[in-house]
Every structure is written in structure tokens, then in C-alpha cells.
ModelCIF file with pLDDT and N, C-alpha, C, O atoms, coordinates in Angstrom:
data_MODEL
#
_entry.id   MODEL 
#
_entity.id                         1 
_entity.type                       polymer 
_entity.pdbx_number_of_molecules   1 
#
_entity_poly.entity_id                      1 
_entity_poly.type                           'polypeptide(L)' 
_entity_poly.nstd_linkage                   no 
_entity_poly.nstd_monomer                   no 
_entity_poly.pdbx_seq_one_letter_code       GTPTADRPLVGMCDSARCPQATHHPCHRPVWSEHAERTEIFLVQ 
_entity_poly.pdbx_seq_one_letter_code_can   GTPTADRPLVGMCDSARCPQATHHPCHRPVWSEHAERTEIFLVQ 
_entity_poly.pdbx_strand_id                 A 
#
loop_
_entity_poly_seq.entity_id 
_entity_poly_seq.num 
_entity_poly_seq.mon_id 
_entity_poly_seq.hetero 
1 1  GLY n 
1 2  THR n 
1 3  PRO n 
1 4  THR n 
1 5  ALA n 
1 6  ASP n 
1 7  ARG n 
1 8  PRO n 
1 9  LEU n 
1 10 VAL n 
1 11 GLY n 
1 12 MET n 
1 13 CYS n 
1 14 ASP n 
1 15 SER n 
1 16 ALA n 
1 17 ARG n 
1 18 CYS n 
1 19 PRO n 
1 20 GLN n 
1 21 ALA n 
1 22 THR n 
1 23 HIS n 
1 24 HIS n 
1 25 PRO n 
1 26 CYS n 
1 27 HIS n 
1 28 ARG n 
1 29 PRO n 
1 30 VAL n 
1 31 TRP n 
1 32 SER n 
1 33 GLU n 
1 34 HIS n 
1 35 ALA n 
1 36 GLU n 
1 37 ARG n 
1 38 THR n 
1 39 GLU n 
1 40 ILE n 
1 41 PHE n 
1 42 LEU n 
1 43 VAL n 
1 44 GLN n 
#
_struct_asym.id          A 
_struct_asym.entity_id   1 
#
loop_
_ma_qa_metric.id 
_ma_qa_metric.mode 
_ma_qa_metric.name 
_ma_qa_metric.software_group_id 
_ma_qa_metric.type 
1 global pLDDT . pLDDT 
2 local  pLDDT . pLDDT 
#
_ma_qa_metric_global.metric_id      1 
_ma_qa_metric_global.metric_value   92.25 
_ma_qa_metric_global.model_id       1 
_ma_qa_metric_global.ordinal_id     1 
#
loop_
_ma_qa_metric_local.label_asym_id 
_ma_qa_metric_local.label_comp_id 
_ma_qa_metric_local.label_seq_id 
_ma_qa_metric_local.metric_id 
_ma_qa_metric_local.metric_value 
_ma_qa_metric_local.model_id 
_ma_qa_metric_local.ordinal_id 
A GLY 1  2 93.00 1 1  
A THR 2  2 91.00 1 2  
A PRO 3  2 87.00 1 3  
A THR 4  2 88.00 1 4  
A ALA 5  2 91.00 1 5  
A ASP 6  2 90.00 1 6  
A ARG 7  2 92.00 1 7  
A PRO 8  2 93.00 1 8  
A LEU 9  2 90.00 1 9  
A VAL 10 2 83.00 1 10 
A GLY 11 2 80.00 1 11 
A MET 12 2 85.00 1 12 
A CYS 13 2 86.00 1 13 
A ASP 14 2 88.00 1 14 
A SER 15 2 89.00 1 15 
A ALA 16 2 89.00 1 16 
A ARG 17 2 90.00 1 17 
A CYS 18 2 92.00 1 18 
A PRO 19 2 93.00 1 19 
A GLN 20 2 93.00 1 20 
A ALA 21 2 93.00 1 21 
A THR 22 2 92.00 1 22 
A HIS 23 2 93.00 1 23 
A HIS 24 2 93.00 1 24 
A PRO 25 2 95.00 1 25 
A CYS 26 2 94.00 1 26 
A HIS 27 2 94.00 1 27 
A ARG 28 2 96.00 1 28 
A PRO 29 2 96.00 1 29 
A VAL 30 2 94.00 1 30 
A TRP 31 2 95.00 1 31 
A SER 32 2 97.00 1 32 
A GLU 33 2 97.00 1 33 
A HIS 34 2 96.00 1 34 
A ALA 35 2 97.00 1 35 
A GLU 36 2 97.00 1 36 
A ARG 37 2 97.00 1 37 
A THR 38 2 96.00 1 38 
A GLU 39 2 96.00 1 39 
A ILE 40 2 95.00 1 40 
A PHE 41 2 93.00 1 41 
A LEU 42 2 94.00 1 42 
A VAL 43 2 93.00 1 43 
A GLN 44 2 93.00 1 44 
#
loop_
_atom_site.group_PDB 
_atom_site.id 
_atom_site.type_symbol 
_atom_site.label_atom_id 
_atom_site.label_alt_id 
_atom_site.label_comp_id 
_atom_site.label_asym_id 
_atom_site.label_entity_id 
_atom_site.label_seq_id 
_atom_site.pdbx_PDB_ins_code 
_atom_site.Cartn_x 
_atom_site.Cartn_y 
_atom_site.Cartn_z 
_atom_site.occupancy 
_atom_site.B_iso_or_equiv 
_atom_site.pdbx_formal_charge 
_atom_site.auth_seq_id 
_atom_site.auth_comp_id 
_atom_site.auth_asym_id 
_atom_site.auth_atom_id 
_atom_site.pdbx_PDB_model_num 
ATOM 1   N N  . GLY A 1 1  ? 0.809  -1.215  0.000   1.00 93.00 ? 1  GLY A N  1 
ATOM 2   C CA . GLY A 1 1  ? 0.000  0.000   0.000   1.00 93.00 ? 1  GLY A CA 1 
ATOM 3   C C  . GLY A 1 1  ? 0.841  1.264   0.000   1.00 93.00 ? 1  GLY A C  1 
ATOM 4   O O  . GLY A 1 1  ? 0.404  2.305   0.490   1.00 93.00 ? 1  GLY A O  1 
ATOM 5   N N  . THR A 1 2  ? 2.056  1.175   -0.552  1.00 91.00 ? 2  THR A N  1 
ATOM 6   C CA . THR A 1 2  ? 2.949  2.333   -0.621  1.00 91.00 ? 2  THR A CA 1 
ATOM 7   C C  . THR A 1 2  ? 3.396  2.560   -2.063  1.00 91.00 ? 2  THR A C  1 
ATOM 8   O O  . THR A 1 2  ? 4.582  2.429   -2.364  1.00 91.00 ? 2  THR A O  1 
ATOM 9   N N  . PRO A 1 3  ? 2.478  2.896   -2.949  1.00 87.00 ? 3  PRO A N  1 
ATOM 10  C CA . PRO A 1 3  ? 2.810  2.992   -4.372  1.00 87.00 ? 3  PRO A CA 1 
ATOM 11  C C  . PRO A 1 3  ? 3.764  4.123   -4.753  1.00 87.00 ? 3  PRO A C  1 
ATOM 12  O O  . PRO A 1 3  ? 4.283  4.138   -5.869  1.00 87.00 ? 3  PRO A O  1 
ATOM 13  N N  . THR A 1 4  ? 3.999  5.060   -3.852  1.00 88.00 ? 4  THR A N  1 
ATOM 14  C CA . THR A 1 4  ? 4.875  6.189   -4.181  1.00 88.00 ? 4  THR A CA 1 
ATOM 15  C C  . THR A 1 4  ? 6.284  6.045   -3.602  1.00 88.00 ? 4  THR A C  1 
ATOM 16  O O  . THR A 1 4  ? 7.076  6.985   -3.667  1.00 88.00 ? 4  THR A O  1 
ATOM 17  N N  . ALA A 1 5  ? 6.600  4.889   -3.045  1.00 91.00 ? 5  ALA A N  1 
ATOM 18  C CA . ALA A 1 5  ? 7.941  4.688   -2.485  1.00 91.00 ? 5  ALA A CA 1 
ATOM 19  C C  . ALA A 1 5  ? 8.994  4.791   -3.583  1.00 91.00 ? 5  ALA A C  1 
ATOM 20  O O  . ALA A 1 5  ? 8.718  4.526   -4.753  1.00 91.00 ? 5  ALA A O  1 
ATOM 21  N N  . ASP A 1 6  ? 10.199 5.177   -3.190  1.00 90.00 ? 6  ASP A N  1 
ATOM 22  C CA . ASP A 1 6  ? 11.254 5.352   -4.184  1.00 90.00 ? 6  ASP A CA 1 
ATOM 23  C C  . ASP A 1 6  ? 12.210 4.169   -4.257  1.00 90.00 ? 6  ASP A C  1 
ATOM 24  O O  . ASP A 1 6  ? 13.205 4.219   -4.980  1.00 90.00 ? 6  ASP A O  1 
ATOM 25  N N  . ARG A 1 7  ? 11.914 3.097   -3.509  1.00 92.00 ? 7  ARG A N  1 
ATOM 26  C CA . ARG A 1 7  ? 12.706 1.870   -3.518  1.00 92.00 ? 7  ARG A CA 1 
ATOM 27  C C  . ARG A 1 7  ? 11.786 0.673   -3.381  1.00 92.00 ? 7  ARG A C  1 
ATOM 28  O O  . ARG A 1 7  ? 10.702 0.789   -2.809  1.00 92.00 ? 7  ARG A O  1 
ATOM 29  N N  . PRO A 1 8  ? 12.201 -0.474  -3.896  1.00 93.00 ? 8  PRO A N  1 
ATOM 30  C CA . PRO A 1 8  ? 11.379 -1.671  -3.709  1.00 93.00 ? 8  PRO A CA 1 
ATOM 31  C C  . PRO A 1 8  ? 11.470 -2.164  -2.269  1.00 93.00 ? 8  PRO A C  1 
ATOM 32  O O  . PRO A 1 8  ? 12.437 -1.873  -1.565  1.00 93.00 ? 8  PRO A O  1 
ATOM 33  N N  . LEU A 1 9  ? 10.482 -2.895  -1.848  1.00 90.00 ? 9  LEU A N  1 
ATOM 34  C CA . LEU A 1 9  ? 10.480 -3.528  -0.529  1.00 90.00 ? 9  LEU A CA 1 
ATOM 35  C C  . LEU A 1 9  ? 10.929 -4.970  -0.739  1.00 90.00 ? 9  LEU A C  1 
ATOM 36  O O  . LEU A 1 9  ? 10.106 -5.870  -0.908  1.00 90.00 ? 9  LEU A O  1 
ATOM 37  N N  . VAL A 1 10 ? 12.224 -5.174  -0.726  1.00 83.00 ? 10 VAL A N  1 
ATOM 38  C CA . VAL A 1 10 ? 12.804 -6.453  -1.101  1.00 83.00 ? 10 VAL A CA 1 
ATOM 39  C C  . VAL A 1 10 ? 12.251 -7.593  -0.248  1.00 83.00 ? 10 VAL A C  1 
ATOM 40  O O  . VAL A 1 10 ? 12.073 -8.702  -0.754  1.00 83.00 ? 10 VAL A O  1 
ATOM 41  N N  . GLY A 1 11 ? 11.983 -7.351  1.007   1.00 80.00 ? 11 GLY A N  1 
ATOM 42  C CA . GLY A 1 11 ? 11.449 -8.387  1.890   1.00 80.00 ? 11 GLY A CA 1 
ATOM 43  C C  . GLY A 1 11 ? 10.038 -8.816  1.535   1.00 80.00 ? 11 GLY A C  1 
ATOM 44  O O  . GLY A 1 11 ? 9.592  -9.885  1.953   1.00 80.00 ? 11 GLY A O  1 
ATOM 45  N N  . MET A 1 12 ? 9.330  -7.999  0.772   1.00 85.00 ? 12 MET A N  1 
ATOM 46  C CA . MET A 1 12 ? 7.966  -8.342  0.369   1.00 85.00 ? 12 MET A CA 1 
ATOM 47  C C  . MET A 1 12 ? 7.896  -8.777  -1.090  1.00 85.00 ? 12 MET A C  1 
ATOM 48  O O  . MET A 1 12 ? 6.805  -8.931  -1.637  1.00 85.00 ? 12 MET A O  1 
ATOM 49  N N  . CYS A 1 13 ? 9.017  -8.969  -1.706  1.00 86.00 ? 13 CYS A N  1 
ATOM 50  C CA . CYS A 1 13 ? 9.058  -9.290  -3.123  1.00 86.00 ? 13 CYS A CA 1 
ATOM 51  C C  . CYS A 1 13 ? 8.454  -10.663 -3.411  1.00 86.00 ? 13 CYS A C  1 
ATOM 52  O O  . CYS A 1 13 ? 8.810  -11.660 -2.782  1.00 86.00 ? 13 CYS A O  1 
ATOM 53  N N  . ASP A 1 14 ? 7.551  -10.690 -4.356  1.00 88.00 ? 14 ASP A N  1 
ATOM 54  C CA . ASP A 1 14 ? 7.048  -11.947 -4.908  1.00 88.00 ? 14 ASP A CA 1 
ATOM 55  C C  . ASP A 1 14 ? 7.543  -11.973 -6.348  1.00 88.00 ? 14 ASP A C  1 
ATOM 56  O O  . ASP A 1 14 ? 6.792  -11.713 -7.289  1.00 88.00 ? 14 ASP A O  1 
ATOM 57  N N  . SER A 1 15 ? 8.814  -12.291 -6.492  1.00 89.00 ? 15 SER A N  1 
ATOM 58  C CA . SER A 1 15 ? 9.471  -12.139 -7.791  1.00 89.00 ? 15 SER A CA 1 
ATOM 59  C C  . SER A 1 15 ? 8.913  -13.051 -8.871  1.00 89.00 ? 15 SER A C  1 
ATOM 60  O O  . SER A 1 15 ? 9.122  -12.799 -10.058 1.00 89.00 ? 15 SER A O  1 
ATOM 61  N N  . ALA A 1 16 ? 8.216  -14.092 -8.485  1.00 89.00 ? 16 ALA A N  1 
ATOM 62  C CA . ALA A 1 16 ? 7.618  -14.965 -9.492  1.00 89.00 ? 16 ALA A CA 1 
ATOM 63  C C  . ALA A 1 16 ? 6.403  -14.307 -10.138 1.00 89.00 ? 16 ALA A C  1 
ATOM 64  O O  . ALA A 1 16 ? 5.920  -14.779 -11.167 1.00 89.00 ? 16 ALA A O  1 
ATOM 65  N N  . ARG A 1 17 ? 5.902  -13.213 -9.540  1.00 90.00 ? 17 ARG A N  1 
ATOM 66  C CA . ARG A 1 17 ? 4.729  -12.519 -10.073 1.00 90.00 ? 17 ARG A CA 1 
ATOM 67  C C  . ARG A 1 17 ? 4.996  -11.073 -10.461 1.00 90.00 ? 17 ARG A C  1 
ATOM 68  O O  . ARG A 1 17 ? 4.167  -10.464 -11.137 1.00 90.00 ? 17 ARG A O  1 
ATOM 69  N N  . CYS A 1 18 ? 6.124  -10.507 -10.056 1.00 92.00 ? 18 CYS A N  1 
ATOM 70  C CA . CYS A 1 18 ? 6.395  -9.092  -10.318 1.00 92.00 ? 18 CYS A CA 1 
ATOM 71  C C  . CYS A 1 18 ? 7.028  -8.905  -11.695 1.00 92.00 ? 18 CYS A C  1 
ATOM 72  O O  . CYS A 1 18 ? 7.992  -9.593  -12.030 1.00 92.00 ? 18 CYS A O  1 
ATOM 73  N N  . PRO A 1 19 ? 6.497  -7.987  -12.489 1.00 93.00 ? 19 PRO A N  1 
ATOM 74  C CA . PRO A 1 19 ? 7.035  -7.783  -13.836 1.00 93.00 ? 19 PRO A CA 1 
ATOM 75  C C  . PRO A 1 19 ? 8.419  -7.142  -13.873 1.00 93.00 ? 19 PRO A C  1 
ATOM 76  O O  . PRO A 1 19 ? 9.065  -7.131  -14.921 1.00 93.00 ? 19 PRO A O  1 
ATOM 77  N N  . GLN A 1 20 ? 8.876  -6.614  -12.755 1.00 93.00 ? 20 GLN A N  1 
ATOM 78  C CA . GLN A 1 20 ? 10.191 -5.962  -12.745 1.00 93.00 ? 20 GLN A CA 1 
ATOM 79  C C  . GLN A 1 20 ? 11.289 -6.874  -12.214 1.00 93.00 ? 20 GLN A C  1 
ATOM 80  O O  . GLN A 1 20 ? 12.454 -6.479  -12.162 1.00 93.00 ? 20 GLN A O  1 
ATOM 81  N N  . ALA A 1 21 ? 10.925 -8.094  -11.819 1.00 93.00 ? 21 ALA A N  1 
ATOM 82  C CA . ALA A 1 21 ? 11.903 -9.032  -11.283 1.00 93.00 ? 21 ALA A CA 1 
ATOM 83  C C  . ALA A 1 21 ? 12.414 -9.953  -12.382 1.00 93.00 ? 21 ALA A C  1 
ATOM 84  O O  . ALA A 1 21 ? 11.669 -10.359 -13.274 1.00 93.00 ? 21 ALA A O  1 
ATOM 85  N N  . THR A 1 22 ? 13.703 -10.273 -12.297 1.00 92.00 ? 22 THR A N  1 
ATOM 86  C CA . THR A 1 22 ? 14.285 -11.238 -13.222 1.00 92.00 ? 22 THR A CA 1 
ATOM 87  C C  . THR A 1 22 ? 15.030 -12.299 -12.431 1.00 92.00 ? 22 THR A C  1 
ATOM 88  O O  . THR A 1 22 ? 15.570 -12.033 -11.358 1.00 92.00 ? 22 THR A O  1 
ATOM 89  N N  . HIS A 1 23 ? 15.047 -13.502 -12.979 1.00 93.00 ? 23 HIS A N  1 
ATOM 90  C CA . HIS A 1 23 ? 15.730 -14.627 -12.344 1.00 93.00 ? 23 HIS A CA 1 
ATOM 91  C C  . HIS A 1 23 ? 16.872 -15.070 -13.241 1.00 93.00 ? 23 HIS A C  1 
ATOM 92  O O  . HIS A 1 23 ? 16.760 -15.060 -14.467 1.00 93.00 ? 23 HIS A O  1 
ATOM 93  N N  . HIS A 1 24 ? 17.965 -15.456 -12.614 1.00 93.00 ? 24 HIS A N  1 
ATOM 94  C CA . HIS A 1 24 ? 19.167 -15.838 -13.340 1.00 93.00 ? 24 HIS A CA 1 
ATOM 95  C C  . HIS A 1 24 ? 19.727 -17.131 -12.754 1.00 93.00 ? 24 HIS A C  1 
ATOM 96  O O  . HIS A 1 24 ? 19.309 -17.542 -11.671 1.00 93.00 ? 24 HIS A O  1 
ATOM 97  N N  . PRO A 1 25 ? 20.655 -17.776 -13.441 1.00 95.00 ? 25 PRO A N  1 
ATOM 98  C CA . PRO A 1 25 ? 21.196 -19.048 -12.936 1.00 95.00 ? 25 PRO A CA 1 
ATOM 99  C C  . PRO A 1 25 ? 21.698 -18.986 -11.488 1.00 95.00 ? 25 PRO A C  1 
ATOM 100 O O  . PRO A 1 25 ? 21.605 -19.976 -10.762 1.00 95.00 ? 25 PRO A O  1 
ATOM 101 N N  . CYS A 1 26 ? 22.217 -17.856 -11.070 1.00 94.00 ? 26 CYS A N  1 
ATOM 102 C CA . CYS A 1 26 ? 22.703 -17.744 -9.686  1.00 94.00 ? 26 CYS A CA 1 
ATOM 103 C C  . CYS A 1 26 ? 21.560 -17.829 -8.669  1.00 94.00 ? 26 CYS A C  1 
ATOM 104 O O  . CYS A 1 26 ? 21.807 -18.087 -7.491  1.00 94.00 ? 26 CYS A O  1 
ATOM 105 N N  . HIS A 1 27 ? 20.317 -17.615 -9.107  1.00 94.00 ? 27 HIS A N  1 
ATOM 106 C CA . HIS A 1 27 ? 19.161 -17.684 -8.218  1.00 94.00 ? 27 HIS A CA 1 
ATOM 107 C C  . HIS A 1 27 ? 18.550 -19.081 -8.155  1.00 94.00 ? 27 HIS A C  1 
ATOM 108 O O  . HIS A 1 27 ? 17.710 -19.353 -7.298  1.00 94.00 ? 27 HIS A O  1 
ATOM 109 N N  . ARG A 1 28 ? 18.964 -19.958 -9.049  1.00 96.00 ? 28 ARG A N  1 
ATOM 110 C CA . ARG A 1 28 ? 18.361 -21.282 -9.125  1.00 96.00 ? 28 ARG A CA 1 
ATOM 111 C C  . ARG A 1 28 ? 18.442 -22.068 -7.818  1.00 96.00 ? 28 ARG A C  1 
ATOM 112 O O  . ARG A 1 28 ? 17.445 -22.672 -7.423  1.00 96.00 ? 28 ARG A O  1 
ATOM 113 N N  . PRO A 1 29 ? 19.600 -22.089 -7.120  1.00 96.00 ? 29 PRO A N  1 
ATOM 114 C CA . PRO A 1 29 ? 19.657 -22.866 -5.870  1.00 96.00 ? 29 PRO A CA 1 
ATOM 115 C C  . PRO A 1 29 ? 18.625 -22.416 -4.834  1.00 96.00 ? 29 PRO A C  1 
ATOM 116 O O  . PRO A 1 29 ? 18.074 -23.248 -4.113  1.00 96.00 ? 29 PRO A O  1 
ATOM 117 N N  . VAL A 1 30 ? 18.363 -21.130 -4.753  1.00 94.00 ? 30 VAL A N  1 
ATOM 118 C CA . VAL A 1 30 ? 17.384 -20.622 -3.783  1.00 94.00 ? 30 VAL A CA 1 
ATOM 119 C C  . VAL A 1 30 ? 15.996 -21.162 -4.109  1.00 94.00 ? 30 VAL A C  1 
ATOM 120 O O  . VAL A 1 30 ? 15.287 -21.637 -3.222  1.00 94.00 ? 30 VAL A O  1 
ATOM 121 N N  . TRP A 1 31 ? 15.609 -21.088 -5.390  1.00 95.00 ? 31 TRP A N  1 
ATOM 122 C CA . TRP A 1 31 ? 14.280 -21.550 -5.805  1.00 95.00 ? 31 TRP A CA 1 
ATOM 123 C C  . TRP A 1 31 ? 14.171 -23.066 -5.726  1.00 95.00 ? 31 TRP A C  1 
ATOM 124 O O  . TRP A 1 31 ? 13.128 -23.592 -5.339  1.00 95.00 ? 31 TRP A O  1 
ATOM 125 N N  . SER A 1 32 ? 15.227 -23.766 -6.085  1.00 97.00 ? 32 SER A N  1 
ATOM 126 C CA . SER A 1 32 ? 15.220 -25.214 -6.033  1.00 97.00 ? 32 SER A CA 1 
ATOM 127 C C  . SER A 1 32 ? 15.073 -25.713 -4.596  1.00 97.00 ? 32 SER A C  1 
ATOM 128 O O  . SER A 1 32 ? 14.289 -26.621 -4.319  1.00 97.00 ? 32 SER A O  1 
ATOM 129 N N  . GLU A 1 33 ? 15.830 -25.112 -3.696  1.00 97.00 ? 33 GLU A N  1 
ATOM 130 C CA . GLU A 1 33 ? 15.732 -25.493 -2.282  1.00 97.00 ? 33 GLU A CA 1 
ATOM 131 C C  . GLU A 1 33 ? 14.343 -25.163 -1.725  1.00 97.00 ? 33 GLU A C  1 
ATOM 132 O O  . GLU A 1 33 ? 13.784 -25.928 -0.939  1.00 97.00 ? 33 GLU A O  1 
ATOM 133 N N  . HIS A 1 34 ? 13.800 -24.028 -2.134  1.00 96.00 ? 34 HIS A N  1 
ATOM 134 C CA . HIS A 1 34 ? 12.463 -23.658 -1.681  1.00 96.00 ? 34 HIS A CA 1 
ATOM 135 C C  . HIS A 1 34 ? 11.436 -24.702 -2.135  1.00 96.00 ? 34 HIS A C  1 
ATOM 136 O O  . HIS A 1 34 ? 10.570 -25.105 -1.358  1.00 96.00 ? 34 HIS A O  1 
ATOM 137 N N  . ALA A 1 35 ? 11.538 -25.135 -3.388  1.00 97.00 ? 35 ALA A N  1 
ATOM 138 C CA . ALA A 1 35 ? 10.619 -26.160 -3.904  1.00 97.00 ? 35 ALA A CA 1 
ATOM 139 C C  . ALA A 1 35 ? 10.777 -27.466 -3.120  1.00 97.00 ? 35 ALA A C  1 
ATOM 140 O O  . ALA A 1 35 ? 9.783  -28.096 -2.760  1.00 97.00 ? 35 ALA A O  1 
ATOM 141 N N  . GLU A 1 36 ? 12.009 -27.870 -2.857  1.00 97.00 ? 36 GLU A N  1 
ATOM 142 C CA . GLU A 1 36 ? 12.257 -29.111 -2.118  1.00 97.00 ? 36 GLU A CA 1 
ATOM 143 C C  . GLU A 1 36 ? 11.682 -29.052 -0.708  1.00 97.00 ? 36 GLU A C  1 
ATOM 144 O O  . GLU A 1 36 ? 11.047 -30.004 -0.255  1.00 97.00 ? 36 GLU A O  1 
ATOM 145 N N  . ARG A 1 37 ? 11.901 -27.949 -0.020  1.00 97.00 ? 37 ARG A N  1 
ATOM 146 C CA . ARG A 1 37 ? 11.385 -27.819 1.351   1.00 97.00 ? 37 ARG A CA 1 
ATOM 147 C C  . ARG A 1 37 ? 9.862  -27.745 1.374   1.00 97.00 ? 37 ARG A C  1 
ATOM 148 O O  . ARG A 1 37 ? 9.225  -28.303 2.267   1.00 97.00 ? 37 ARG A O  1 
ATOM 149 N N  . THR A 1 38 ? 9.286  -27.068 0.409   1.00 96.00 ? 38 THR A N  1 
ATOM 150 C CA . THR A 1 38 ? 7.835  -26.980 0.341   1.00 96.00 ? 38 THR A CA 1 
ATOM 151 C C  . THR A 1 38 ? 7.236  -28.351 0.074   1.00 96.00 ? 38 THR A C  1 
ATOM 152 O O  . THR A 1 38 ? 6.197  -28.696 0.637   1.00 96.00 ? 38 THR A O  1 
ATOM 153 N N  . GLU A 1 39 ? 7.881  -29.131 -0.776  1.00 96.00 ? 39 GLU A N  1 
ATOM 154 C CA . GLU A 1 39 ? 7.404  -30.485 -1.059  1.00 96.00 ? 39 GLU A CA 1 
ATOM 155 C C  . GLU A 1 39 ? 7.436  -31.340 0.215   1.00 96.00 ? 39 GLU A C  1 
ATOM 156 O O  . GLU A 1 39 ? 6.520  -32.125 0.456   1.00 96.00 ? 39 GLU A O  1 
ATOM 157 N N  . ILE A 1 40 ? 8.473  -31.190 1.015   1.00 95.00 ? 40 ILE A N  1 
ATOM 158 C CA . ILE A 1 40 ? 8.568  -31.930 2.282   1.00 95.00 ? 40 ILE A CA 1 
ATOM 159 C C  . ILE A 1 40 ? 7.408  -31.548 3.200   1.00 95.00 ? 40 ILE A C  1 
ATOM 160 O O  . ILE A 1 40 ? 6.782  -32.419 3.804   1.00 95.00 ? 40 ILE A O  1 
ATOM 161 N N  . PHE A 1 41 ? 7.118  -30.252 3.307   1.00 93.00 ? 41 PHE A N  1 
ATOM 162 C CA . PHE A 1 41 ? 5.985  -29.808 4.133   1.00 93.00 ? 41 PHE A CA 1 
ATOM 163 C C  . PHE A 1 41 ? 4.677  -30.385 3.627   1.00 93.00 ? 41 PHE A C  1 
ATOM 164 O O  . PHE A 1 41 ? 3.832  -30.802 4.419   1.00 93.00 ? 41 PHE A O  1 
ATOM 165 N N  . LEU A 1 42 ? 4.506  -30.411 2.312   1.00 94.00 ? 42 LEU A N  1 
ATOM 166 C CA . LEU A 1 42 ? 3.269  -30.950 1.728   1.00 94.00 ? 42 LEU A CA 1 
ATOM 167 C C  . LEU A 1 42 ? 3.078  -32.420 2.086   1.00 94.00 ? 42 LEU A C  1 
ATOM 168 O O  . LEU A 1 42 ? 1.968  -32.847 2.403   1.00 94.00 ? 42 LEU A O  1 
ATOM 169 N N  . VAL A 1 43 ? 4.149  -33.182 2.034   1.00 93.00 ? 43 VAL A N  1 
ATOM 170 C CA . VAL A 1 43 ? 4.069  -34.615 2.353   1.00 93.00 ? 43 VAL A CA 1 
ATOM 171 C C  . VAL A 1 43 ? 3.696  -34.813 3.820   1.00 93.00 ? 43 VAL A C  1 
ATOM 172 O O  . VAL A 1 43 ? 2.952  -35.735 4.154   1.00 93.00 ? 43 VAL A O  1 
ATOM 173 N N  . GLN A 1 44 ? 4.205  -33.960 4.683   1.00 93.00 ? 44 GLN A N  1 
ATOM 174 C CA . GLN A 1 44 ? 3.977  -34.107 6.122   1.00 93.00 ? 44 GLN A CA 1 
ATOM 175 C C  . GLN A 1 44 ? 2.669  -33.483 6.596   1.00 93.00 ? 44 GLN A C  1 
ATOM 176 O O  . GLN A 1 44 ? 2.355  -33.536 7.785   1.00 93.00 ? 44 GLN A O  1 
#
């Protein structure tokens, strides 16, 4: 609810949905680990 801010709120970033975010090979381990951990939670 702060559309006039002059910086992004990195802690609130949903980069999979934001048009200004880009993903690169260096980000793959973070997303891969997130998927693995989420899958573990789903099973449990």
C-alpha cells in the first residue's frame, strides 16, 4: 500500500509474479531449495 515509495520492498518481493523481477542461474539454488522444502511440508 505504498505505491509512491522510491525503492522496492525487497522483503515483500514476490518475484515470481512481479514484472520488474528477473531470475538468473545464480538464483536457481534458492528456488530449487524452496521447492524441495515446500514439497517436504506438503508430504507431512
